[in-house]
């Protein structure tokens, strides 16, 4: 059953990240002048919404090995010790610390600690609740809420390498990375369905 939306989105209860209809996107400068976009496909997230939305909590764990830029050799390099070092740091984690309203209706600022490469730093996600819709393909009357959010991080602050210099100046990967999240939360744990279809998150 659909919940009564709050000013930020879903009403009180436990909500789960739907990995099949969510995109965790990053965009970085590459080879100094270019831009490269990638995603992380493996994510497990839970949102506990309280009666007071500002006291709600968010926990998301991302499989660092699931990085995908569309080029196998580049992805392997990103997984290596030169960058994410996924053997030593297999998870990227976000844990919320505070939620506050944004300037526009249905917008918010989600404060939290982001852990990359074993280093945890505070970040702020500028988010917006887009709307609610049922999953027409679900036999269980699953409802979902859609969100968009953005932030920007510095790789060097997390101890992530830049791949070294390139001959024409600059570094292989720029220090500033834009993060864009297009997320669907649903009112049922997706794990049983994901197991049924053989999806690994």
C-alpha atoms as a PDB file:
ATOM      1  CA  UNK A   1       0.000   0.000   0.000  1.00  0.00           C
ATOM      2  CA  UNK A   2       1.256   3.491  -0.785  1.00  0.00           C
ATOM      3  CA  UNK A   3       2.189   5.630   2.191  1.00  0.00           C
ATOM      4  CA  UNK A   4       1.178   9.210   2.787  1.00  0.00           C
ATOM      5  CA  UNK A   5       4.037  11.307   1.389  1.00  0.00           C
ATOM      6  CA  UNK A   6       5.848  13.746   3.629  1.00  0.00           C
ATOM      7  CA  UNK A   7       7.384  16.978   2.408  1.00  0.00           C
ATOM      8  CA  UNK A   8      10.499  14.963   1.509  1.00  0.00           C
ATOM      9  CA  UNK A   9       8.866  11.889   0.008  1.00  0.00           C
ATOM     10  CA  UNK A  10       7.629   8.615   1.530  1.00  0.00           C
ATOM     11  CA  UNK A  11       5.834   8.451   4.845  1.00  0.00           C
ATOM     12  CA  UNK A  12       7.059   6.661   7.979  1.00  0.00           C
ATOM     13  CA  UNK A  13       8.404   3.148   7.565  1.00  0.00           C
ATOM     14  CA  UNK A  14      11.325   1.246   6.119  1.00  0.00           C
ATOM     15  CA  UNK A  15      12.158   1.785   2.448  1.00  0.00           C
ATOM     16  CA  UNK A  16      14.646  -0.094   0.316  1.00  0.00           C
ATOM     17  CA  UNK A  17      16.830   0.946  -2.599  1.00  0.00           C
ATOM     18  CA  UNK A  18      15.606  -0.620  -5.826  1.00  0.00           C
ATOM     19  CA  UNK A  19      18.843  -1.449  -7.676  1.00  0.00           C
ATOM     20  CA  UNK A  20      17.019  -2.320 -10.894  1.00  0.00           C
ATOM     21  CA  UNK A  21      15.562   1.177 -11.259  1.00  0.00           C
ATOM     22  CA  UNK A  22      18.280   3.304  -9.672  1.00  0.00           C
ATOM     23  CA  UNK A  23      21.403   4.865 -11.194  1.00  0.00           C
ATOM     24  CA  UNK A  24      24.486   5.791  -9.170  1.00  0.00           C
ATOM     25  CA  UNK A  25      26.427   7.948 -11.627  1.00  0.00           C
ATOM     26  CA  UNK A  26      29.800   9.688 -11.418  1.00  0.00           C
ATOM     27  CA  UNK A  27      31.372  12.088 -13.908  1.00  0.00           C
ATOM     28  CA  UNK A  28      35.070  13.013 -13.880  1.00  0.00           C
ATOM     29  CA  UNK A  29      37.599  14.809 -16.037  1.00  0.00           C
ATOM     30  CA  UNK A  30      39.692  12.304 -17.982  1.00  0.00           C
ATOM     31  CA  UNK A  31      42.915  12.884 -19.925  1.00  0.00           C
ATOM     32  CA  UNK A  32      42.688  16.525 -18.772  1.00  0.00           C
ATOM     33  CA  UNK A  33      40.258  17.797 -21.419  1.00  0.00           C
ATOM     34  CA  UNK A  34      37.718  14.997 -21.665  1.00  0.00           C
ATOM     35  CA  UNK A  35      34.921  13.832 -19.403  1.00  0.00           C
ATOM     36  CA  UNK A  36      34.083  10.235 -18.563  1.00  0.00           C
ATOM     37  CA  UNK A  37      30.884   8.939 -17.001  1.00  0.00           C
ATOM     38  CA  UNK A  38      30.482   5.748 -15.039  1.00  0.00           C
ATOM     39  CA  UNK A  39      28.130   3.942 -12.703  1.00  0.00           C
ATOM     40  CA  UNK A  40      28.132   1.563  -9.755  1.00  0.00           C
ATOM     41  CA  UNK A  41      25.640  -1.232 -10.311  1.00  0.00           C
ATOM     42  CA  UNK A  42      25.974  -3.039  -6.987  1.00  0.00           C
ATOM     43  CA  UNK A  43      24.197  -1.217  -4.160  1.00  0.00           C
ATOM     44  CA  UNK A  44      22.182  -2.110  -1.092  1.00  0.00           C
ATOM     45  CA  UNK A  45      20.326   0.709   0.638  1.00  0.00           C
ATOM     46  CA  UNK A  46      17.824   1.221   3.414  1.00  0.00           C
ATOM     47  CA  UNK A  47      15.943   4.335   4.478  1.00  0.00           C
ATOM     48  CA  UNK A  48      14.120   4.465   7.808  1.00  0.00           C
ATOM     49  CA  UNK A  49      11.582   7.299   7.709  1.00  0.00           C
ATOM     50  CA  UNK A  50      10.328   8.515  11.082  1.00  0.00           C
ATOM     51  CA  UNK A  51       7.270  10.538  12.051  1.00  0.00           C
ATOM     52  CA  UNK A  52       9.582  13.540  12.147  1.00  0.00           C
ATOM     53  CA  UNK A  53      11.200  13.291   8.678  1.00  0.00           C
ATOM     54  CA  UNK A  54      14.233  15.254   9.862  1.00  0.00           C
ATOM     55  CA  UNK A  55      15.147  12.351  12.167  1.00  0.00           C
ATOM     56  CA  UNK A  56      15.072   9.774   9.367  1.00  0.00           C
ATOM     57  CA  UNK A  57      18.191   7.758   8.516  1.00  0.00           C
ATOM     58  CA  UNK A  58      19.820   6.497   5.326  1.00  0.00           C
ATOM     59  CA  UNK A  59      22.385   3.720   4.944  1.00  0.00           C
ATOM     60  CA  UNK A  60      23.778   2.720   1.541  1.00  0.00           C
ATOM     61  CA  UNK A  61      26.556   0.223   0.813  1.00  0.00           C
ATOM     62  CA  UNK A  62      28.017   0.091  -2.699  1.00  0.00           C
ATOM     63  CA  UNK A  63      30.162  -2.699  -4.120  1.00  0.00           C
ATOM     64  CA  UNK A  64      33.273  -0.851  -5.323  1.00  0.00           C
ATOM     65  CA  UNK A  65      34.025  -3.707  -7.722  1.00  0.00           C
ATOM     66  CA  UNK A  66      30.806  -2.923  -9.627  1.00  0.00           C
ATOM     67  CA  UNK A  67      32.288   0.232 -11.199  1.00  0.00           C
ATOM     68  CA  UNK A  68      31.477   0.439 -14.902  1.00  0.00           C
ATOM     69  CA  UNK A  69      32.555   3.061 -17.439  1.00  0.00           C
ATOM     70  CA  UNK A  70      31.895   0.908 -20.497  1.00  0.00           C
ATOM     71  CA  UNK A  71      35.577   0.116 -21.115  1.00  0.00           C
ATOM     72  CA  UNK A  72      36.847  -3.098 -19.505  1.00  0.00           C
ATOM     73  CA  UNK A  73      40.509  -2.066 -19.363  1.00  0.00           C
ATOM     74  CA  UNK A  74      39.645   1.289 -17.794  1.00  0.00           C
ATOM     75  CA  UNK A  75      37.353  -0.356 -15.240  1.00  0.00           C
ATOM     76  CA  UNK A  76      40.106  -2.801 -14.271  1.00  0.00           C
ATOM     77  CA  UNK A  77      42.467   0.152 -13.774  1.00  0.00           C
ATOM     78  CA  UNK A  78      39.896   1.935 -11.596  1.00  0.00           C
ATOM     79  CA  UNK A  79      39.601  -1.191  -9.420  1.00  0.00           C
ATOM     80  CA  UNK A  80      43.373  -1.371  -8.975  1.00  0.00           C
ATOM     81  CA  UNK A  81      45.510   0.104  -6.197  1.00  0.00           C
ATOM     82  CA  UNK A  82      46.084   3.153  -8.417  1.00  0.00           C
ATOM     83  CA  UNK A  83      42.496   4.246  -7.715  1.00  0.00           C
ATOM     84  CA  UNK A  84      39.793   2.473  -5.662  1.00  0.00           C
ATOM     85  CA  UNK A  85      41.950  -0.477  -4.552  1.00  0.00           C
ATOM     86  CA  UNK A  86      38.889  -2.709  -4.254  1.00  0.00           C
ATOM     87  CA  UNK A  87      40.835  -5.655  -2.817  1.00  0.00           C
ATOM     88  CA  UNK A  88      41.604  -3.633   0.317  1.00  0.00           C
ATOM     89  CA  UNK A  89      38.494  -1.419   0.231  1.00  0.00           C
ATOM     90  CA  UNK A  90      35.626  -3.432  -1.272  1.00  0.00           C
ATOM     91  CA  UNK A  91      32.842  -1.122  -0.059  1.00  0.00           C
ATOM     92  CA  UNK A  92      31.779   2.460  -0.554  1.00  0.00           C
ATOM     93  CA  UNK A  93      29.405   3.482   2.217  1.00  0.00           C
ATOM     94  CA  UNK A  94      27.123   6.420   2.954  1.00  0.00           C
ATOM     95  CA  UNK A  95      25.569   6.925   6.394  1.00  0.00           C
ATOM     96  CA  UNK A  96      23.313   9.905   6.944  1.00  0.00           C
ATOM     97  CA  UNK A  97      23.709  12.228   9.911  1.00  0.00           C
ATOM     98  CA  UNK A  98      21.082  14.922   9.323  1.00  0.00           C
ATOM     99  CA  UNK A  99      18.238  15.861   6.991  1.00  0.00           C
ATOM    100  CA  UNK A 100      17.085  19.418   6.420  1.00  0.00           C
ATOM    101  CA  UNK A 101      14.637  21.085   4.037  1.00  0.00           C
ATOM    102  CA  UNK A 102      15.901  22.660   0.843  1.00  0.00           C
ATOM    103  CA  UNK A 103      14.914  25.991  -0.650  1.00  0.00           C
ATOM    104  CA  UNK A 104      12.375  24.544  -3.074  1.00  0.00           C
ATOM    105  CA  UNK A 105       9.288  22.493  -2.359  1.00  0.00           C
ATOM    106  CA  UNK A 106      10.038  18.756  -2.084  1.00  0.00           C
ATOM    107  CA  UNK A 107      13.786  19.449  -1.900  1.00  0.00           C
ATOM    108  CA  UNK A 108      16.167  18.603   0.918  1.00  0.00           C
ATOM    109  CA  UNK A 109      19.803  18.531   1.976  1.00  0.00           C
ATOM    110  CA  UNK A 110      20.974  15.171   3.251  1.00  0.00           C
ATOM    111  CA  UNK A 111      24.122  15.364   5.365  1.00  0.00           C
ATOM    112  CA  UNK A 112      26.162  12.238   5.947  1.00  0.00           C
ATOM    113  CA  UNK A 113      29.503  10.483   6.060  1.00  0.00           C
ATOM    114  CA  UNK A 114      30.807   9.019   2.812  1.00  0.00           C
ATOM    115  CA  UNK A 115      33.487   6.334   3.045  1.00  0.00           C
ATOM    116  CA  UNK A 116      35.662   5.728  -0.008  1.00  0.00           C
ATOM    117  CA  UNK A 117      39.042   3.994  -0.064  1.00  0.00           C
ATOM    118  CA  UNK A 118      38.769   3.509   3.716  1.00  0.00           C
ATOM    119  CA  UNK A 119      38.417   7.243   4.407  1.00  0.00           C
ATOM    120  CA  UNK A 120      35.183   8.713   5.802  1.00  0.00           C
ATOM    121  CA  UNK A 121      34.377  12.373   5.143  1.00  0.00           C
ATOM    122  CA  UNK A 122      31.224  14.495   5.506  1.00  0.00           C
ATOM    123  CA  UNK A 123      29.267  15.252   2.333  1.00  0.00           C
ATOM    124  CA  UNK A 124      25.970  16.950   1.561  1.00  0.00           C
ATOM    125  CA  UNK A 125      23.538  15.581  -1.019  1.00  0.00           C
ATOM    126  CA  UNK A 126      21.240  18.158  -2.585  1.00  0.00           C
ATOM    127  CA  UNK A 127      18.130  16.141  -3.264  1.00  0.00           C
ATOM    128  CA  UNK A 128      14.615  16.342  -4.567  1.00  0.00           C
ATOM    129  CA  UNK A 129      11.656  14.029  -4.205  1.00  0.00           C
ATOM    130  CA  UNK A 130      10.339  13.562  -7.743  1.00  0.00           C
ATOM    131  CA  UNK A 131       7.177  11.564  -7.031  1.00  0.00           C
ATOM    132  CA  UNK A 132       5.506   8.271  -6.223  1.00  0.00           C
ATOM    133  CA  UNK A 133       4.345   5.485  -8.540  1.00  0.00           C
ATOM    134  CA  UNK A 134       3.392   1.810  -8.248  1.00  0.00           C
ATOM    135  CA  UNK A 135       5.524  -0.866  -9.853  1.00  0.00           C
ATOM    136  CA  UNK A 136       3.183  -2.038 -12.599  1.00  0.00           C
ATOM    137  CA  UNK A 137       5.278  -5.188 -13.113  1.00  0.00           C
ATOM    138  CA  UNK A 138       5.173  -6.254  -9.462  1.00  0.00           C
ATOM    139  CA  UNK A 139       2.622  -8.847  -8.313  1.00  0.00           C
ATOM    140  CA  UNK A 140       2.890  -7.547  -4.728  1.00  0.00           C
ATOM    141  CA  UNK A 141       1.531  -3.992  -5.084  1.00  0.00           C
ATOM    142  CA  UNK A 142       4.985  -2.559  -4.554  1.00  0.00           C
ATOM    143  CA  UNK A 143       5.104   1.219  -4.426  1.00  0.00           C
ATOM    144  CA  UNK A 144       8.141   3.317  -5.162  1.00  0.00           C
ATOM    145  CA  UNK A 145       9.324   6.851  -4.578  1.00  0.00           C
ATOM    146  CA  UNK A 146      11.712   8.523  -6.992  1.00  0.00           C
ATOM    147  CA  UNK A 147      14.511  10.890  -5.970  1.00  0.00           C
ATOM    148  CA  UNK A 148      17.253  12.866  -7.677  1.00  0.00           C
ATOM    149  CA  UNK A 149      20.344  14.050  -5.803  1.00  0.00           C
ATOM    150  CA  UNK A 150      23.741  15.539  -6.576  1.00  0.00           C
ATOM    151  CA  UNK A 151      26.997  16.278  -4.811  1.00  0.00           C
ATOM    152  CA  UNK A 152      30.672  16.824  -5.604  1.00  0.00           C
ATOM    153  CA  UNK A 153      33.717  15.201  -4.026  1.00  0.00           C
ATOM    154  CA  UNK A 154      37.506  15.502  -4.186  1.00  0.00           C
ATOM    155  CA  UNK A 155      39.330  12.223  -4.877  1.00  0.00           C
ATOM    156  CA  UNK A 156      42.535  13.363  -3.184  1.00  0.00           C
ATOM    157  CA  UNK A 157      40.679  14.026   0.067  1.00  0.00           C
ATOM    158  CA  UNK A 158      39.665  10.355   0.114  1.00  0.00           C
ATOM    159  CA  UNK A 159      43.175   9.198  -0.752  1.00  0.00           C
ATOM    160  CA  UNK A 160      42.166   8.000  -4.229  1.00  0.00           C
ATOM    161  CA  UNK A 161      44.917   8.330  -6.848  1.00  0.00           C
ATOM    162  CA  UNK A 162      44.708  10.328 -10.068  1.00  0.00           C
ATOM    163  CA  UNK A 163      46.627   7.978 -12.371  1.00  0.00           C
ATOM    164  CA  UNK A 164      49.639  10.275 -12.659  1.00  0.00           C
ATOM    165  CA  UNK A 165      50.537  13.017 -15.169  1.00  0.00           C
ATOM    166  CA  UNK A 166      49.774  12.990 -18.883  1.00  0.00           C
ATOM    167  CA  UNK A 167      52.330  14.358 -21.420  1.00  0.00           C
ATOM    168  CA  UNK A 168      50.235  17.400 -22.419  1.00  0.00           C
ATOM    169  CA  UNK A 169      49.763  18.546 -18.840  1.00  0.00           C
ATOM    170  CA  UNK A 170      47.386  17.749 -16.033  1.00  0.00           C
ATOM    171  CA  UNK A 171      46.578  14.354 -14.553  1.00  0.00           C
ATOM    172  CA  UNK A 172      44.977  11.230 -16.004  1.00  0.00           C
ATOM    173  CA  UNK A 173      41.867  11.777 -13.861  1.00  0.00           C
ATOM    174  CA  UNK A 174      40.772  15.133 -12.472  1.00  0.00           C
ATOM    175  CA  UNK A 175      40.432  15.561  -8.727  1.00  0.00           C
ATOM    176  CA  UNK A 176      36.825  16.793  -8.721  1.00  0.00           C
ATOM    177  CA  UNK A 177      34.096  14.247  -9.352  1.00  0.00           C
ATOM    178  CA  UNK A 178      30.406  15.035  -9.830  1.00  0.00           C
ATOM    179  CA  UNK A 179      27.951  12.517  -8.402  1.00  0.00           C
ATOM    180  CA  UNK A 180      24.406  12.224  -9.732  1.00  0.00           C
ATOM    181  CA  UNK A 181      21.896   9.883  -8.120  1.00  0.00           C
ATOM    182  CA  UNK A 182      18.602   8.829  -9.690  1.00  0.00           C
ATOM    183  CA  UNK A 183      17.076   6.583  -7.061  1.00  0.00           C
ATOM    184  CA  UNK A 184      13.898   4.601  -6.582  1.00  0.00           C
ATOM    185  CA  UNK A 185      12.932   3.526  -3.065  1.00  0.00           C
ATOM    186  CA  UNK A 186      10.366   0.801  -2.597  1.00  0.00           C
ATOM    187  CA  UNK A 187       8.355  -0.432   0.360  1.00  0.00           C
ATOM    188  CA  UNK A 188       9.521  -4.052   0.088  1.00  0.00           C
ATOM    189  CA  UNK A 189      12.948  -5.607   0.396  1.00  0.00           C
ATOM    190  CA  UNK A 190      14.035  -6.399  -3.190  1.00  0.00           C
ATOM    191  CA  UNK A 191      16.326  -9.255  -2.128  1.00  0.00           C
ATOM    192  CA  UNK A 192      13.854 -12.135  -2.757  1.00  0.00           C
ATOM    193  CA  UNK A 193      12.960 -10.867  -6.233  1.00  0.00           C
ATOM    194  CA  UNK A 194      16.599 -10.181  -7.109  1.00  0.00           C
ATOM    195  CA  UNK A 195      17.484 -13.731  -6.072  1.00  0.00           C
ATOM    196  CA  UNK A 196      14.622 -15.096  -8.158  1.00  0.00           C
ATOM    197  CA  UNK A 197      15.881 -13.393 -11.324  1.00  0.00           C
ATOM    198  CA  UNK A 198      19.557 -14.102 -10.570  1.00  0.00           C
ATOM    199  CA  UNK A 199      20.524 -10.463 -10.112  1.00  0.00           C
ATOM    200  CA  UNK A 200      23.620  -9.832  -7.993  1.00  0.00           C
ATOM    201  CA  UNK A 201      23.743  -6.473  -6.233  1.00  0.00           C
END
